């Protein structure tokens, strides 16, 4: 095996480990929520309200979770999701709870999970109908 191939493998493993460590540090113990967007896509979301960020990725069924955990450092094998699609889903999730929020940045943490940092304005109030 070439030096380049060995170095590439080591870097991929380290990247995966760093992503897992980061995820555990920032999201351990926080509840996960399943969220479905208007287009029917399902996402698994963990929100850290204190730090104003969420971890979001495609929702996976329990039978796929074992292979996801096994493949965490080297990629999950789940079809990739575009950062733009993830951003839109994250904003839909945040706004579904009567908050006016928008994403600030989207970062791939551990394939296929992204972190979305957000900022929120004032709470949305529903107007009462006159009729």
C-alpha atoms as a PDB file:
ATOM      1  CA  UNK A   1       0.000   0.000   0.000  1.00  0.00           C
ATOM      2  CA  UNK A   2       1.361   3.427  -0.884  1.00  0.00           C
ATOM      3  CA  UNK A   3       2.197   6.062   1.727  1.00  0.00           C
ATOM      4  CA  UNK A   4      -0.533   8.265   0.285  1.00  0.00           C
ATOM      5  CA  UNK A   5      -3.179   5.532   0.701  1.00  0.00           C
ATOM      6  CA  UNK A   6      -2.103   4.867   4.298  1.00  0.00           C
ATOM      7  CA  UNK A   7      -2.169   8.575   5.109  1.00  0.00           C
ATOM      8  CA  UNK A   8      -5.614   8.936   3.516  1.00  0.00           C
ATOM      9  CA  UNK A   9      -7.020   6.096   5.614  1.00  0.00           C
ATOM     10  CA  UNK A  10      -5.567   7.553   8.810  1.00  0.00           C
ATOM     11  CA  UNK A  11      -6.994  11.009   8.010  1.00  0.00           C
ATOM     12  CA  UNK A  12     -10.467   9.594   7.320  1.00  0.00           C
ATOM     13  CA  UNK A  13     -10.435   7.685  10.617  1.00  0.00           C
ATOM     14  CA  UNK A  14      -9.229  10.724  12.561  1.00  0.00           C
ATOM     15  CA  UNK A  15     -11.855  12.923  10.908  1.00  0.00           C
ATOM     16  CA  UNK A  16     -14.553  10.445  11.842  1.00  0.00           C
ATOM     17  CA  UNK A  17     -13.305  10.185  15.426  1.00  0.00           C
ATOM     18  CA  UNK A  18     -13.155  13.970  15.755  1.00  0.00           C
ATOM     19  CA  UNK A  19     -16.717  14.238  14.453  1.00  0.00           C
ATOM     20  CA  UNK A  20     -17.975  11.607  16.881  1.00  0.00           C
ATOM     21  CA  UNK A  21     -16.173  13.298  19.802  1.00  0.00           C
ATOM     22  CA  UNK A  22     -17.583  16.688  18.807  1.00  0.00           C
ATOM     23  CA  UNK A  23     -21.088  15.252  18.526  1.00  0.00           C
ATOM     24  CA  UNK A  24     -20.876  13.594  21.931  1.00  0.00           C
ATOM     25  CA  UNK A  25     -19.536  16.761  23.543  1.00  0.00           C
ATOM     26  CA  UNK A  26     -22.246  19.029  22.094  1.00  0.00           C
ATOM     27  CA  UNK A  27     -25.303  16.775  21.821  1.00  0.00           C
ATOM     28  CA  UNK A  28     -24.986  13.919  24.343  1.00  0.00           C
ATOM     29  CA  UNK A  29     -28.052  13.605  26.546  1.00  0.00           C
ATOM     30  CA  UNK A  30     -30.223  15.862  24.400  1.00  0.00           C
ATOM     31  CA  UNK A  31     -33.435  14.344  23.006  1.00  0.00           C
ATOM     32  CA  UNK A  32     -33.652  13.417  19.333  1.00  0.00           C
ATOM     33  CA  UNK A  33     -36.728  14.384  17.356  1.00  0.00           C
ATOM     34  CA  UNK A  34     -38.044  12.936  14.121  1.00  0.00           C
ATOM     35  CA  UNK A  35     -39.251  15.689  11.798  1.00  0.00           C
ATOM     36  CA  UNK A  36     -40.968  15.378   8.430  1.00  0.00           C
ATOM     37  CA  UNK A  37     -40.831  18.250   5.928  1.00  0.00           C
ATOM     38  CA  UNK A  38     -43.675  19.227   3.619  1.00  0.00           C
ATOM     39  CA  UNK A  39     -42.019  17.312   0.770  1.00  0.00           C
ATOM     40  CA  UNK A  40     -42.236  14.108   2.836  1.00  0.00           C
ATOM     41  CA  UNK A  41     -38.557  13.744   3.772  1.00  0.00           C
ATOM     42  CA  UNK A  42     -37.847  12.551   7.315  1.00  0.00           C
ATOM     43  CA  UNK A  43     -35.010  13.897   9.427  1.00  0.00           C
ATOM     44  CA  UNK A  44     -33.502  13.065  12.805  1.00  0.00           C
ATOM     45  CA  UNK A  45     -32.806  16.268  14.737  1.00  0.00           C
ATOM     46  CA  UNK A  46     -31.054  16.986  18.016  1.00  0.00           C
ATOM     47  CA  UNK A  47     -31.251  20.602  19.127  1.00  0.00           C
ATOM     48  CA  UNK A  48     -28.849  22.328  21.494  1.00  0.00           C
ATOM     49  CA  UNK A  49     -30.863  25.457  22.283  1.00  0.00           C
ATOM     50  CA  UNK A  50     -28.242  26.820  24.641  1.00  0.00           C
ATOM     51  CA  UNK A  51     -25.668  26.934  21.840  1.00  0.00           C
ATOM     52  CA  UNK A  52     -28.265  27.734  19.127  1.00  0.00           C
ATOM     53  CA  UNK A  53     -27.398  24.818  16.885  1.00  0.00           C
ATOM     54  CA  UNK A  54     -28.922  21.584  15.732  1.00  0.00           C
ATOM     55  CA  UNK A  55     -27.567  18.285  14.500  1.00  0.00           C
ATOM     56  CA  UNK A  56     -29.648  17.098  11.556  1.00  0.00           C
ATOM     57  CA  UNK A  57     -29.523  14.185   9.176  1.00  0.00           C
ATOM     58  CA  UNK A  58     -31.812  11.717   7.457  1.00  0.00           C
ATOM     59  CA  UNK A  59     -34.023   9.717   9.756  1.00  0.00           C
ATOM     60  CA  UNK A  60     -33.020   6.078   9.819  1.00  0.00           C
ATOM     61  CA  UNK A  61     -35.040   3.031  10.791  1.00  0.00           C
ATOM     62  CA  UNK A  62     -33.872   0.901  13.738  1.00  0.00           C
ATOM     63  CA  UNK A  63     -32.585  -1.910  11.512  1.00  0.00           C
ATOM     64  CA  UNK A  64     -30.255   0.525   9.753  1.00  0.00           C
ATOM     65  CA  UNK A  65     -28.947   2.056  12.974  1.00  0.00           C
ATOM     66  CA  UNK A  66     -26.455  -0.747  13.671  1.00  0.00           C
ATOM     67  CA  UNK A  67     -24.794  -0.341  10.288  1.00  0.00           C
ATOM     68  CA  UNK A  68     -24.869   3.439  10.736  1.00  0.00           C
ATOM     69  CA  UNK A  69     -22.967   3.189  14.021  1.00  0.00           C
ATOM     70  CA  UNK A  70     -20.483   0.697  12.536  1.00  0.00           C
ATOM     71  CA  UNK A  71     -19.847   2.965   9.556  1.00  0.00           C
ATOM     72  CA  UNK A  72     -19.843   6.233  11.464  1.00  0.00           C
ATOM     73  CA  UNK A  73     -16.146   6.995  10.995  1.00  0.00           C
ATOM     74  CA  UNK A  74     -15.962   5.934   7.368  1.00  0.00           C
ATOM     75  CA  UNK A  75     -19.312   7.131   6.091  1.00  0.00           C
ATOM     76  CA  UNK A  76     -22.714   5.686   6.844  1.00  0.00           C
ATOM     77  CA  UNK A  77     -23.708   4.396   3.461  1.00  0.00           C
ATOM     78  CA  UNK A  78     -26.882   6.493   3.640  1.00  0.00           C
ATOM     79  CA  UNK A  79     -27.508   8.570   0.540  1.00  0.00           C
ATOM     80  CA  UNK A  80     -25.945  12.015   0.912  1.00  0.00           C
ATOM     81  CA  UNK A  81     -28.135  15.038   1.462  1.00  0.00           C
ATOM     82  CA  UNK A  82     -27.267  18.446   0.054  1.00  0.00           C
ATOM     83  CA  UNK A  83     -26.354  21.152   2.600  1.00  0.00           C
ATOM     84  CA  UNK A  84     -29.012  23.394   0.998  1.00  0.00           C
ATOM     85  CA  UNK A  85     -31.704  20.748   1.566  1.00  0.00           C
ATOM     86  CA  UNK A  86     -30.491  20.288   5.144  1.00  0.00           C
ATOM     87  CA  UNK A  87     -30.577  24.048   5.736  1.00  0.00           C
ATOM     88  CA  UNK A  88     -34.146  24.289   4.459  1.00  0.00           C
ATOM     89  CA  UNK A  89     -35.245  21.326   6.607  1.00  0.00           C
ATOM     90  CA  UNK A  90     -33.562  22.831   9.677  1.00  0.00           C
ATOM     91  CA  UNK A  91     -35.322  26.157   9.158  1.00  0.00           C
ATOM     92  CA  UNK A  92     -38.660  24.387   8.646  1.00  0.00           C
ATOM     93  CA  UNK A  93     -38.113  22.502  11.918  1.00  0.00           C
ATOM     94  CA  UNK A  94     -37.205  25.654  13.835  1.00  0.00           C
ATOM     95  CA  UNK A  95     -40.118  27.620  12.401  1.00  0.00           C
ATOM     96  CA  UNK A  96     -42.567  24.771  13.128  1.00  0.00           C
ATOM     97  CA  UNK A  97     -42.357  25.695  16.814  1.00  0.00           C
ATOM     98  CA  UNK A  98     -43.457  29.305  16.301  1.00  0.00           C
ATOM     99  CA  UNK A  99     -39.931  30.694  16.216  1.00  0.00           C
ATOM    100  CA  UNK A 100     -38.655  32.913  13.438  1.00  0.00           C
ATOM    101  CA  UNK A 101     -35.248  31.476  12.839  1.00  0.00           C
ATOM    102  CA  UNK A 102     -32.764  31.313  10.038  1.00  0.00           C
ATOM    103  CA  UNK A 103     -29.609  29.330   9.589  1.00  0.00           C
ATOM    104  CA  UNK A 104     -26.247  31.012   9.845  1.00  0.00           C
ATOM    105  CA  UNK A 105     -24.062  28.171   8.578  1.00  0.00           C
ATOM    106  CA  UNK A 106     -24.219  24.455   7.758  1.00  0.00           C
ATOM    107  CA  UNK A 107     -21.267  22.158   8.486  1.00  0.00           C
ATOM    108  CA  UNK A 108     -20.847  18.460   7.773  1.00  0.00           C
ATOM    109  CA  UNK A 109     -20.006  16.848  11.125  1.00  0.00           C
ATOM    110  CA  UNK A 110     -20.228  13.097  10.492  1.00  0.00           C
ATOM    111  CA  UNK A 111     -21.575  11.840   7.179  1.00  0.00           C
ATOM    112  CA  UNK A 112     -24.587  12.232   6.713  1.00  0.00           C
ATOM    113  CA  UNK A 113     -25.187  14.481   9.745  1.00  0.00           C
ATOM    114  CA  UNK A 114     -24.792  18.239   9.557  1.00  0.00           C
ATOM    115  CA  UNK A 115     -24.695  20.907  12.199  1.00  0.00           C
ATOM    116  CA  UNK A 116     -26.778  24.001  11.554  1.00  0.00           C
ATOM    117  CA  UNK A 117     -26.096  27.106  13.622  1.00  0.00           C
ATOM    118  CA  UNK A 118     -29.063  29.427  13.773  1.00  0.00           C
ATOM    119  CA  UNK A 119     -30.334  32.754  15.034  1.00  0.00           C
ATOM    120  CA  UNK A 120     -33.889  33.512  16.065  1.00  0.00           C
ATOM    121  CA  UNK A 121     -35.857  36.706  16.257  1.00  0.00           C
ATOM    122  CA  UNK A 122     -39.084  37.175  18.112  1.00  0.00           C
ATOM    123  CA  UNK A 123     -41.720  34.489  18.599  1.00  0.00           C
ATOM    124  CA  UNK A 124     -44.380  34.267  15.925  1.00  0.00           C
ATOM    125  CA  UNK A 125     -47.841  35.049  17.234  1.00  0.00           C
ATOM    126  CA  UNK A 126     -50.880  33.649  15.545  1.00  0.00           C
ATOM    127  CA  UNK A 127     -53.576  36.165  14.695  1.00  0.00           C
ATOM    128  CA  UNK A 128     -57.115  35.427  15.705  1.00  0.00           C
ATOM    129  CA  UNK A 129     -59.597  35.313  12.891  1.00  0.00           C
ATOM    130  CA  UNK A 130     -62.151  38.094  12.802  1.00  0.00           C
ATOM    131  CA  UNK A 131     -64.745  35.733  11.352  1.00  0.00           C
END
